[in-house]
């Protein structure tokens, strides 16, 4: 579940989201502060105006209320109604309480008033905002006082409650909220436009750098980018160009050294073939002479002949490797019988009785027979030299191509050596290091398989080792 909530976004998306979040936060902050300031100012102004109007009206009251003086009569209902009318007006409703009687019109009742407000209104003028019937009202409560004949101010027992409707203010605030929302939307659109523009300005050089890096990785060492401006991206582009130039120079030097090394190995190998040919021509004669020599000279002659054969094999392998390195190795494809080809390869080397062959007699495949012979000879020879009997060679045709397996039942290859068995001059273990092999056989076998478009893999068995050759169909 946690993995599903993680949304992978690129640099462009993160820049746009950041711009939008900043714009939304700034707009909300400015709009919120501005709205609160306008709201507070508007409500305070309305409250001051209403309180001032009610106070002024009450100060001008002339009704005979409170302690009646000689000749005065209590206020009549009409006089109370006139007072209520003078306190009322557009958007106002008035409740008057006098000597236990309540005078009211409209929908507002004393029950709408909080008891706390009624208690405070007896002592002084109070105000409070209430929500009644989903509408905001400002309630002004005041105790009416009268100046006595001795100049003192006395309460009259008359209390008024004026309900001032704030519908106009609510509409004004609603209009203000809509205006702020529209301004916020416009700000958001401007921020999105600025974000997309900025992201394009920032990401375009980054994309160019990415494309140039991919081209560099694909071997196009001459790729360069134009440097525009003097900002960090321009400095990064200039650094990339410098790196590409140094890399091109280094690779050119390495390629030149590699070409020189290949030519040197090829030239040395070819130069060695002439004396080796002469030495090989007399090996049979030396072998015959060794039979008539004393034991010690005869053994020395046999050692020399063995080293000559080893040197000849090494030179042939080096020449073959140089062909692969130079890219001059070619395939001479034929449709051959795999069973016959394997049998001929084993027979010419005298391995027929030492290898169990399990190949269908009618299995045919298109490949280079001479290079296939090299693959079989190297794998089987390696199994016979370093593995243990029985050595089994199997082959079969599949929809994916030809599959050849060579398995021995010896001690096997150490696990740490398995990744390196196809490396040049690699010999696994002390016994193999002292062997007469060149360490190039498996590398040459793999190169021949790759020339066919195939592969060779190795896996440990219990006991022994299994080599698998796969060649795709032509």
Protein backbone atom coordinates (compact mmCIF):
# COMPACT_ATOMS: atom_id res chain seq x y z
CA UNK A 1 0.00 0.00 0.00
CA UNK A 2 2.83 2.34 0.89
CA UNK A 3 4.45 1.64 -2.48
CA UNK A 4 1.26 2.62 -4.28
CA UNK A 5 1.20 6.02 -2.57
CA UNK A 6 4.65 6.90 -3.79
CA UNK A 7 4.36 8.88 -7.00
CA UNK A 8 7.49 9.05 -9.05
CA UNK A 9 7.88 12.54 -10.48
CA UNK A 10 10.58 14.02 -12.61
CA UNK A 11 12.40 17.31 -12.15
CA UNK A 12 9.89 19.12 -14.39
CA UNK A 13 6.94 17.94 -12.30
CA UNK A 14 8.70 18.80 -9.05
CA UNK A 15 9.47 22.34 -10.28
CA UNK A 16 5.86 22.88 -11.37
CA UNK A 17 4.50 21.47 -8.11
CA UNK A 18 6.88 23.65 -6.09
CA UNK A 19 5.88 26.79 -8.00
CA UNK A 20 2.19 25.99 -7.57
CA UNK A 21 2.52 25.23 -3.87
CA UNK A 22 4.41 28.46 -3.27
CA UNK A 23 1.85 30.43 -5.28
CA UNK A 24 -1.08 28.79 -3.49
CA UNK A 25 0.49 29.34 -0.07
CA UNK A 26 1.31 32.98 -0.83
CA UNK A 27 -2.12 33.66 -2.33
CA UNK A 28 -3.89 31.98 0.57
CA UNK A 29 -1.81 33.90 3.09
CA UNK A 30 -2.35 37.29 1.43
CA UNK A 31 -6.03 36.61 0.75
CA UNK A 32 -6.62 35.33 4.28
CA UNK A 33 -4.95 38.30 5.92
CA UNK A 34 -6.69 40.77 3.62
CA UNK A 35 -10.07 39.10 4.13
CA UNK A 36 -9.74 39.13 7.91
CA UNK A 37 -8.69 42.78 7.91
CA UNK A 38 -11.62 43.80 5.70
CA UNK A 39 -14.04 41.66 7.70
CA UNK A 40 -12.91 43.08 11.03
CA UNK A 41 -13.01 46.65 9.73
CA UNK A 42 -16.43 46.20 8.13
CA UNK A 43 -18.02 44.59 11.19
CA UNK A 44 -16.44 47.11 13.56
CA UNK A 45 -17.69 50.01 11.44
CA UNK A 46 -21.21 48.53 11.28
CA UNK A 47 -21.18 47.92 15.03
CA UNK A 48 -20.01 51.46 15.82
CA UNK A 49 -22.61 53.02 13.55
CA UNK A 50 -25.44 50.92 14.99
CA UNK A 51 -24.41 51.53 18.60
CA UNK A 52 -24.05 55.27 17.97
CA UNK A 53 -27.47 55.45 16.34
CA UNK A 54 -29.14 53.51 19.17
CA UNK A 55 -27.38 55.58 21.83
CA UNK A 56 -28.31 58.83 20.16
CA UNK A 57 -31.94 57.77 19.89
CA UNK A 58 -32.09 56.73 23.53
CA UNK A 59 -30.53 60.02 24.66
CA UNK A 60 -33.32 61.91 22.92
CA UNK A 61 -36.10 59.91 24.59
CA UNK A 62 -38.77 62.06 26.31
CA UNK A 63 -41.22 59.42 27.48
CA UNK A 64 -42.33 59.59 31.16
CA UNK A 65 -40.68 56.39 32.34
CA UNK A 66 -39.06 55.32 35.57
CA UNK A 67 -39.96 57.46 38.63
CA UNK A 68 -42.88 59.54 37.47
CA UNK A 69 -42.93 63.17 38.39
CA UNK A 70 -46.09 64.92 39.46
CA UNK A 71 -48.44 65.26 36.53
CA UNK A 72 -46.77 62.56 34.44
CA UNK A 73 -48.57 59.45 33.25
CA UNK A 74 -46.94 56.09 32.42
CA UNK A 75 -46.07 55.63 28.73
CA UNK A 76 -48.85 54.18 26.66
CA UNK A 77 -48.55 51.30 24.22
CA UNK A 78 -48.58 53.73 21.35
CA UNK A 79 -45.67 55.68 22.85
CA UNK A 80 -43.73 52.42 23.32
CA UNK A 81 -44.50 51.49 19.72
CA UNK A 82 -43.30 54.90 18.58
CA UNK A 83 -40.05 54.39 20.50
CA UNK A 84 -39.65 50.96 18.94
CA UNK A 85 -40.26 52.50 15.54
CA UNK A 86 -37.64 55.20 16.11
CA UNK A 87 -35.07 52.56 17.11
CA UNK A 88 -35.98 50.29 14.24
CA UNK A 89 -35.72 50.79 10.55
CA UNK A 90 -34.33 48.92 7.54
CA UNK A 91 -32.90 45.57 8.58
CA UNK A 92 -33.63 46.11 12.27
CA UNK A 93 -35.96 44.49 14.76
CA UNK A 94 -36.55 45.92 18.26
CA UNK A 95 -37.68 44.32 21.52
CA UNK A 96 -38.57 46.59 24.46
CA UNK A 97 -38.94 45.28 27.97
CA UNK A 98 -40.66 47.56 30.56
CA UNK A 99 -41.96 46.68 34.00
CA UNK A 100 -42.42 43.01 33.11
CA UNK A 101 -44.08 43.71 29.76
CA UNK A 102 -42.41 42.84 26.45
CA UNK A 103 -43.13 44.83 23.31
CA UNK A 104 -41.99 43.23 20.06
CA UNK A 105 -42.82 42.82 16.41
CA UNK A 106 -41.39 40.53 13.77
CA UNK A 107 -39.70 37.15 14.27
CA UNK A 108 -37.29 38.03 17.09
CA UNK A 109 -38.14 37.05 20.67
CA UNK A 110 -36.47 37.38 24.06
CA UNK A 111 -35.75 33.66 23.86
CA UNK A 112 -33.34 34.42 21.03
CA UNK A 113 -31.14 36.32 23.44
CA UNK A 114 -28.48 34.61 25.54
CA UNK A 115 -29.13 35.00 29.26
CA UNK A 116 -25.64 36.39 29.73
CA UNK A 117 -26.35 39.22 27.32
CA UNK A 118 -29.62 40.10 29.08
CA UNK A 119 -27.82 40.20 32.42
CA UNK A 120 -25.13 42.52 31.14
CA UNK A 121 -27.59 44.77 29.28
CA UNK A 122 -29.21 45.78 32.59
CA UNK A 123 -25.95 47.42 33.68
CA UNK A 124 -24.55 48.91 30.46
CA UNK A 125 -24.82 48.96 26.69
CA UNK A 126 -23.59 45.62 25.27
CA UNK A 127 -23.23 44.14 21.80
CA UNK A 128 -22.98 40.58 20.57
CA UNK A 129 -23.11 38.85 17.18
CA UNK A 130 -25.54 35.95 16.84
CA UNK A 131 -26.50 33.55 14.07
CA UNK A 132 -30.28 33.23 13.95
CA UNK A 133 -32.04 31.32 11.18
CA UNK A 134 -28.76 31.00 9.25
CA UNK A 135 -28.31 34.78 9.25
CA UNK A 136 -25.83 36.98 11.12
CA UNK A 137 -27.33 39.55 13.51
CA UNK A 138 -25.75 42.22 15.69
CA UNK A 139 -27.64 42.53 18.97
CA UNK A 140 -27.40 45.79 20.93
CA UNK A 141 -28.77 45.71 24.47
CA UNK A 142 -29.11 48.89 26.53
CA UNK A 143 -30.77 50.05 29.77
CA UNK A 144 -32.50 53.41 29.37
CA UNK A 145 -31.59 55.99 32.03
CA UNK A 146 -33.24 59.30 32.95
CA UNK A 147 -31.89 62.41 34.58
CA UNK A 148 -33.59 63.13 37.89
CA UNK A 149 -34.53 66.65 39.09
CA UNK A 150 -31.53 66.68 41.37
CA UNK A 151 -29.27 66.05 38.34
CA UNK A 152 -28.50 62.41 39.06
CA UNK A 153 -28.90 59.72 36.38
CA UNK A 154 -31.41 57.05 37.38
CA UNK A 155 -32.36 53.80 35.66
CA UNK A 156 -35.85 53.82 34.20
CA UNK A 157 -36.48 50.07 34.14
CA UNK A 158 -36.84 50.19 30.38
CA UNK A 159 -34.48 47.90 28.42
CA UNK A 160 -34.23 47.81 24.65
CA UNK A 161 -32.73 45.11 22.43
CA UNK A 162 -32.02 46.10 18.85
CA UNK A 163 -31.37 43.30 16.31
CA UNK A 164 -29.35 44.75 13.43
CA UNK A 165 -29.30 42.51 10.36
CA UNK A 166 -25.84 42.01 8.83
CA UNK A 167 -27.11 40.50 5.58
CA UNK A 168 -25.60 43.35 3.55
CA UNK A 169 -22.23 42.84 5.21
CA UNK A 170 -22.43 39.09 4.61
CA UNK A 171 -23.16 39.69 0.92
CA UNK A 172 -20.27 42.12 0.74
CA UNK A 173 -17.96 39.57 2.39
CA UNK A 174 -19.24 36.84 0.04
CA UNK A 175 -18.45 39.09 -2.94
CA UNK A 176 -15.03 39.71 -1.44
CA UNK A 177 -14.43 35.95 -1.05
CA UNK A 178 -15.40 35.35 -4.67
CA UNK A 179 -13.10 38.14 -5.80
CA UNK A 180 -10.23 36.76 -3.74
CA UNK A 181 -10.89 33.26 -5.10
CA UNK A 182 -10.83 34.59 -8.67
CA UNK A 183 -7.63 36.49 -7.93
CA UNK A 184 -6.16 33.33 -6.44
CA UNK A 185 -7.11 31.34 -9.55
CA UNK A 186 -5.51 33.96 -11.78
CA UNK A 187 -2.41 33.89 -9.58
CA UNK A 188 -2.37 30.08 -9.82
CA UNK A 189 -2.57 30.22 -13.63
CA UNK A 190 0.21 32.80 -13.73
CA UNK A 191 2.31 30.64 -11.40
CA UNK A 192 1.67 27.56 -13.57
CA UNK A 193 2.69 29.49 -16.68
CA UNK A 194 5.81 30.80 -14.96
CA UNK A 195 6.58 27.29 -13.66
CA UNK A 196 6.28 25.70 -17.09
CA UNK A 197 8.39 28.43 -18.66
CA UNK A 198 11.04 28.21 -15.92
CA UNK A 199 11.03 24.42 -16.05
CA UNK A 200 11.58 24.54 -19.79
CA UNK A 201 14.41 27.04 -19.39
CA UNK A 202 16.02 24.91 -16.71
CA UNK A 203 15.35 21.45 -18.12
CA UNK A 204 16.24 22.12 -21.74
CA UNK A 205 19.99 22.26 -20.99
CA UNK A 206 19.59 19.25 -18.69
CA UNK A 207 17.89 17.26 -21.47
CA UNK A 208 20.62 18.25 -23.87
CA UNK A 209 23.22 17.12 -21.35
CA UNK A 210 21.37 13.82 -20.92
CA UNK A 211 21.18 13.24 -24.69
CA UNK A 212 24.85 14.15 -25.05
CA UNK A 213 25.80 11.79 -22.21
CA UNK A 214 23.86 8.95 -23.87
CA UNK A 215 25.56 9.69 -27.18
CA UNK A 216 28.90 9.70 -25.38
CA UNK A 217 28.08 6.35 -23.83
CA UNK A 218 27.23 4.97 -27.28
CA UNK A 219 30.71 5.85 -28.54
CA UNK A 220 30.12 9.26 -30.15
CA UNK A 221 33.10 10.88 -28.49
CA UNK A 222 32.96 13.98 -30.71
CA UNK A 223 29.66 15.19 -29.21
CA UNK A 224 29.77 18.74 -27.83
CA UNK A 225 27.17 21.20 -26.54
CA UNK A 226 26.87 24.96 -27.10
CA UNK A 227 27.58 27.05 -23.98
CA UNK A 228 25.02 29.84 -23.51
CA UNK A 229 25.25 32.29 -20.64
CA UNK A 230 27.35 32.26 -17.51
CA UNK A 231 25.11 30.52 -14.97
CA UNK A 232 25.62 27.16 -13.27
CA UNK A 233 24.10 25.22 -16.16
CA UNK A 234 26.46 26.95 -18.59
CA UNK A 235 29.39 26.03 -16.35
CA UNK A 236 28.13 22.44 -16.21
CA UNK A 237 27.89 22.35 -20.00
CA UNK A 238 31.41 23.70 -20.35
CA UNK A 239 32.66 21.08 -17.89
CA UNK A 240 30.90 18.37 -19.88
CA UNK A 241 32.57 19.56 -23.08
CA UNK A 242 35.96 19.51 -21.38
CA UNK A 243 35.31 16.01 -20.05
CA UNK A 244 34.20 14.78 -23.48
CA UNK A 245 37.32 16.24 -25.09
CA UNK A 246 39.61 14.60 -22.52
CA UNK A 247 37.74 11.32 -22.86
CA UNK A 248 38.02 11.43 -26.65
CA UNK A 249 41.74 12.09 -26.36
CA UNK A 250 42.24 9.27 -23.84
CA UNK A 251 40.18 6.77 -25.85
CA UNK A 252 42.08 7.68 -29.02
CA UNK A 253 45.35 7.05 -27.22
CA UNK A 254 44.09 3.75 -25.80
CA UNK A 255 42.85 2.64 -29.20
CA UNK A 256 46.19 3.50 -30.75
CA UNK A 257 48.00 1.54 -28.02
CA UNK A 258 45.59 -1.37 -28.41
CA UNK A 259 46.11 -1.41 -32.18
CA UNK A 260 49.86 -1.33 -31.69
CA UNK A 261 49.60 -4.19 -29.18
CA UNK A 262 47.49 -6.26 -31.56
CA UNK A 263 49.86 -5.64 -34.43
CA UNK A 264 52.79 -6.54 -32.20
CA UNK A 265 51.18 -9.84 -31.12
CA UNK A 266 50.18 -10.67 -34.69
CA UNK A 267 53.61 -9.79 -36.06
CA UNK A 268 55.43 -11.76 -33.37
CA UNK A 269 53.15 -14.75 -33.87
CA UNK A 270 53.66 -14.73 -37.63
CA UNK A 271 57.41 -14.33 -37.23
CA UNK A 272 57.49 -17.31 -34.87
CA UNK A 273 55.68 -19.53 -37.33
CA UNK A 274 58.70 -19.78 -39.63
CA UNK A 275 61.21 -21.11 -37.06
CA UNK A 276 58.47 -23.24 -35.52
CA UNK A 277 57.72 -24.78 -38.90
CA UNK A 278 61.39 -25.69 -39.29
CA UNK A 279 61.56 -27.05 -35.74
CA UNK A 280 58.37 -29.06 -36.22
CA UNK A 281 59.72 -30.56 -39.45
CA UNK A 282 62.52 -32.27 -37.56
CA UNK A 283 60.49 -33.37 -34.52
CA UNK A 284 59.72 -36.79 -36.03
CA UNK A 285 63.40 -37.37 -36.79
CA UNK A 286 64.37 -36.26 -33.27
CA UNK A 287 61.75 -38.56 -31.77
CA UNK A 288 63.20 -41.53 -33.70
CA UNK A 289 66.70 -40.59 -32.58
CA UNK A 290 65.56 -40.28 -28.98
CA UNK A 291 64.77 -43.98 -28.92
CA UNK A 292 68.45 -44.79 -29.55
CA UNK A 293 69.85 -42.25 -27.09
CA UNK A 294 70.72 -42.93 -23.45
CA UNK A 295 67.85 -42.35 -21.02
CA UNK A 296 68.83 -38.88 -19.81
CA UNK A 297 69.49 -37.35 -23.30
CA UNK A 298 66.35 -39.10 -24.57
CA UNK A 299 64.25 -37.52 -21.80
CA UNK A 300 65.74 -34.10 -22.59
CA UNK A 301 64.82 -34.52 -26.26
CA UNK A 302 61.24 -35.48 -25.34
CA UNK A 303 60.93 -32.39 -23.09
CA UNK A 304 62.19 -30.15 -25.89
CA UNK A 305 59.73 -31.71 -28.34
CA UNK A 306 56.87 -31.24 -25.90
CA UNK A 307 57.74 -27.57 -25.40
CA UNK A 308 57.99 -27.11 -29.16
CA UNK A 309 54.47 -28.52 -29.53
CA UNK A 310 53.23 -26.28 -26.72
CA UNK A 311 54.86 -23.25 -28.34
CA UNK A 312 53.30 -24.15 -31.68
CA UNK A 313 49.86 -24.40 -30.08
CA UNK A 314 50.38 -21.06 -28.28
CA UNK A 315 51.40 -19.33 -31.51
CA UNK A 316 48.35 -20.71 -33.34
CA UNK A 317 46.10 -19.54 -30.54
CA UNK A 318 47.67 -16.06 -30.55
CA UNK A 319 47.22 -15.79 -34.30
CA UNK A 320 43.55 -16.83 -33.93
CA UNK A 321 43.03 -14.33 -31.11
CA UNK A 322 44.60 -11.56 -33.21
CA UNK A 323 42.11 -12.32 -35.99
CA UNK A 324 39.18 -11.91 -33.60
CA UNK A 325 40.65 -8.70 -32.17
CA UNK A 326 41.23 -7.26 -35.63
CA UNK A 327 37.72 -8.21 -36.73
CA UNK A 328 38.98 -10.25 -39.67
CA UNK A 329 37.51 -13.57 -38.53
CA UNK A 330 34.79 -14.74 -40.93
CA UNK A 331 32.33 -17.62 -41.11
CA UNK A 332 32.27 -20.21 -43.89
CA UNK A 333 28.78 -21.58 -43.37
CA UNK A 334 27.71 -25.06 -44.46
CA UNK A 335 24.78 -27.34 -43.69
CA UNK A 336 26.54 -30.19 -41.85
CA UNK A 337 25.58 -33.34 -40.00
CA UNK A 338 26.36 -32.63 -36.34
CA UNK A 339 26.91 -36.28 -35.40
CA UNK A 340 29.46 -36.78 -38.16
CA UNK A 341 31.21 -33.48 -37.41
CA UNK A 342 31.53 -34.34 -33.71
CA UNK A 343 32.73 -37.87 -34.53
CA UNK A 344 35.39 -36.56 -36.93
CA UNK A 345 36.59 -33.99 -34.38
CA UNK A 346 37.02 -36.66 -31.69
CA UNK A 347 38.52 -39.22 -34.03
CA UNK A 348 41.25 -36.98 -35.40
CA UNK A 349 42.40 -36.29 -31.83
CA UNK A 350 42.12 -39.88 -30.63
CA UNK A 351 39.33 -39.15 -28.12
CA UNK A 352 36.63 -41.43 -29.52
CA UNK A 353 36.95 -44.08 -26.83
CA UNK A 354 37.16 -41.52 -24.01
CA UNK A 355 33.97 -39.57 -24.72
CA UNK A 356 30.33 -40.69 -24.66
CA UNK A 357 28.53 -39.06 -27.58
CA UNK A 358 24.76 -38.68 -27.53
CA UNK A 359 23.83 -36.93 -30.77
CA UNK A 360 20.91 -37.82 -33.08
CA UNK A 361 22.22 -39.29 -36.34
CA UNK A 362 19.92 -37.12 -38.47
CA UNK A 363 20.69 -33.80 -36.71
CA UNK A 364 21.82 -31.19 -39.25
CA UNK A 365 22.59 -27.51 -38.77
CA UNK A 366 24.06 -24.58 -40.70
CA UNK A 367 27.39 -23.44 -39.24
CA UNK A 368 31.11 -23.11 -39.92
CA UNK A 369 32.42 -26.69 -39.48
CA UNK A 370 36.02 -25.69 -38.82
CA UNK A 371 35.08 -23.21 -36.08
CA UNK A 372 32.57 -25.67 -34.62
CA UNK A 373 35.41 -28.20 -34.52
CA UNK A 374 37.50 -25.70 -32.51
CA UNK A 375 34.63 -25.28 -30.02
CA UNK A 376 34.17 -29.05 -29.57
CA UNK A 377 37.92 -29.70 -29.35
CA UNK A 378 38.48 -27.05 -26.69
CA UNK A 379 35.53 -28.06 -24.50
CA UNK A 380 36.18 -31.81 -24.74
CA UNK A 381 39.94 -31.37 -24.36
CA UNK A 382 39.42 -29.20 -21.29
CA UNK A 383 37.10 -31.85 -19.78
CA UNK A 384 39.57 -34.66 -20.47
CA UNK A 385 42.56 -32.75 -19.09
CA UNK A 386 41.05 -31.21 -15.98
CA UNK A 387 37.83 -33.14 -15.35
CA UNK A 388 37.07 -36.74 -14.62
CA UNK A 389 35.40 -39.59 -16.51
CA UNK A 390 32.93 -40.12 -17.88
CA UNK A 391 32.96 -37.17 -20.30
CA UNK A 392 29.57 -36.87 -22.01
CA UNK A 393 28.80 -34.81 -25.13
CA UNK A 394 25.15 -34.28 -26.06
CA UNK A 395 23.59 -32.22 -28.83
CA UNK A 396 20.03 -31.46 -29.85
CA UNK A 397 18.15 -29.12 -32.11
CA UNK A 398 15.52 -26.78 -30.65
CA UNK A 399 13.30 -24.03 -31.98
CA UNK A 400 15.92 -21.60 -30.68
CA UNK A 401 18.89 -23.25 -32.42
CA UNK A 402 21.57 -25.85 -31.74
CA UNK A 403 22.40 -26.81 -28.15
CA UNK A 404 25.60 -28.71 -27.37
CA UNK A 405 26.54 -29.80 -23.83
CA UNK A 406 29.85 -31.16 -22.57
CA UNK A 407 29.97 -32.52 -19.03
CA UNK A 408 32.69 -34.18 -17.00
CA UNK A 409 32.48 -35.85 -13.59
CA UNK A 410 35.66 -34.54 -12.00
CA UNK A 411 36.32 -32.26 -9.03
CA UNK A 412 34.80 -29.29 -10.81
CA UNK A 413 35.87 -25.65 -11.05
CA UNK A 414 36.11 -23.60 -7.82
CA UNK A 415 33.08 -21.25 -7.48
CA UNK A 416 35.28 -18.15 -7.31
CA UNK A 417 36.88 -19.12 -10.65
CA UNK A 418 33.65 -19.68 -12.61
CA UNK A 419 33.20 -16.01 -13.68
CA UNK A 420 36.76 -16.00 -15.14
CA UNK A 421 37.00 -19.32 -17.00
CA UNK A 422 36.62 -17.60 -20.37
CA UNK A 423 39.22 -14.92 -19.62
CA UNK A 424 42.45 -15.07 -21.62
CA UNK A 425 45.38 -16.87 -19.96
CA UNK A 426 43.21 -17.72 -16.94
CA UNK A 427 43.92 -21.03 -15.21
CA UNK A 428 41.84 -22.09 -12.23
CA UNK A 429 43.75 -23.69 -9.38
CA UNK A 430 47.39 -24.61 -8.86
CA UNK A 431 47.16 -27.82 -10.88
CA UNK A 432 45.80 -26.02 -13.95
CA UNK A 433 48.39 -23.28 -13.57
CA UNK A 434 51.10 -25.91 -14.00
CA UNK A 435 49.37 -27.53 -16.98
CA UNK A 436 50.71 -27.32 -20.54
CA UNK A 437 47.67 -25.45 -21.84
CA UNK A 438 47.94 -21.85 -23.02
CA UNK A 439 44.89 -20.60 -21.14
CA UNK A 440 43.39 -19.37 -24.42
CA UNK A 441 41.30 -22.37 -25.44
CA UNK A 442 38.03 -21.46 -23.73
CA UNK A 443 38.39 -17.82 -24.78
CA UNK A 444 38.82 -18.92 -28.42
CA UNK A 445 35.84 -21.31 -28.11
CA UNK A 446 33.64 -18.49 -26.80
CA UNK A 447 34.80 -16.13 -29.58
CA UNK A 448 33.88 -18.74 -32.19
CA UNK A 449 30.45 -19.21 -30.60
CA UNK A 450 29.91 -15.44 -30.54
CA UNK A 451 30.97 -15.24 -34.18
CA UNK A 452 28.03 -17.56 -34.89
CA UNK A 453 25.81 -15.25 -32.81
CA UNK A 454 25.69 -17.73 -29.94
CA UNK A 455 26.99 -18.14 -26.41
CA UNK A 456 28.84 -20.53 -24.11
CA UNK A 457 27.92 -20.84 -20.45
CA UNK A 458 29.34 -22.88 -17.57
CA UNK A 459 27.59 -24.33 -14.52
CA UNK A 460 28.86 -26.46 -11.67
CA UNK A 461 27.45 -29.98 -11.33
CA UNK A 462 27.59 -32.56 -8.58
CA UNK A 463 30.07 -33.85 -9.50
CA UNK A 464 31.90 -32.12 -12.34
CA UNK A 465 31.23 -29.17 -14.62
CA UNK A 466 28.78 -28.57 -17.49
CA UNK A 467 29.54 -26.35 -20.50
CA UNK A 468 26.60 -25.41 -22.74
CA UNK A 469 26.96 -24.06 -26.27
CA UNK A 470 24.03 -22.36 -27.98
CA UNK A 471 24.10 -21.34 -31.65
CA UNK A 472 21.03 -19.63 -33.18
CA UNK A 473 19.59 -20.85 -36.46
CA UNK A 474 20.52 -19.14 -39.69
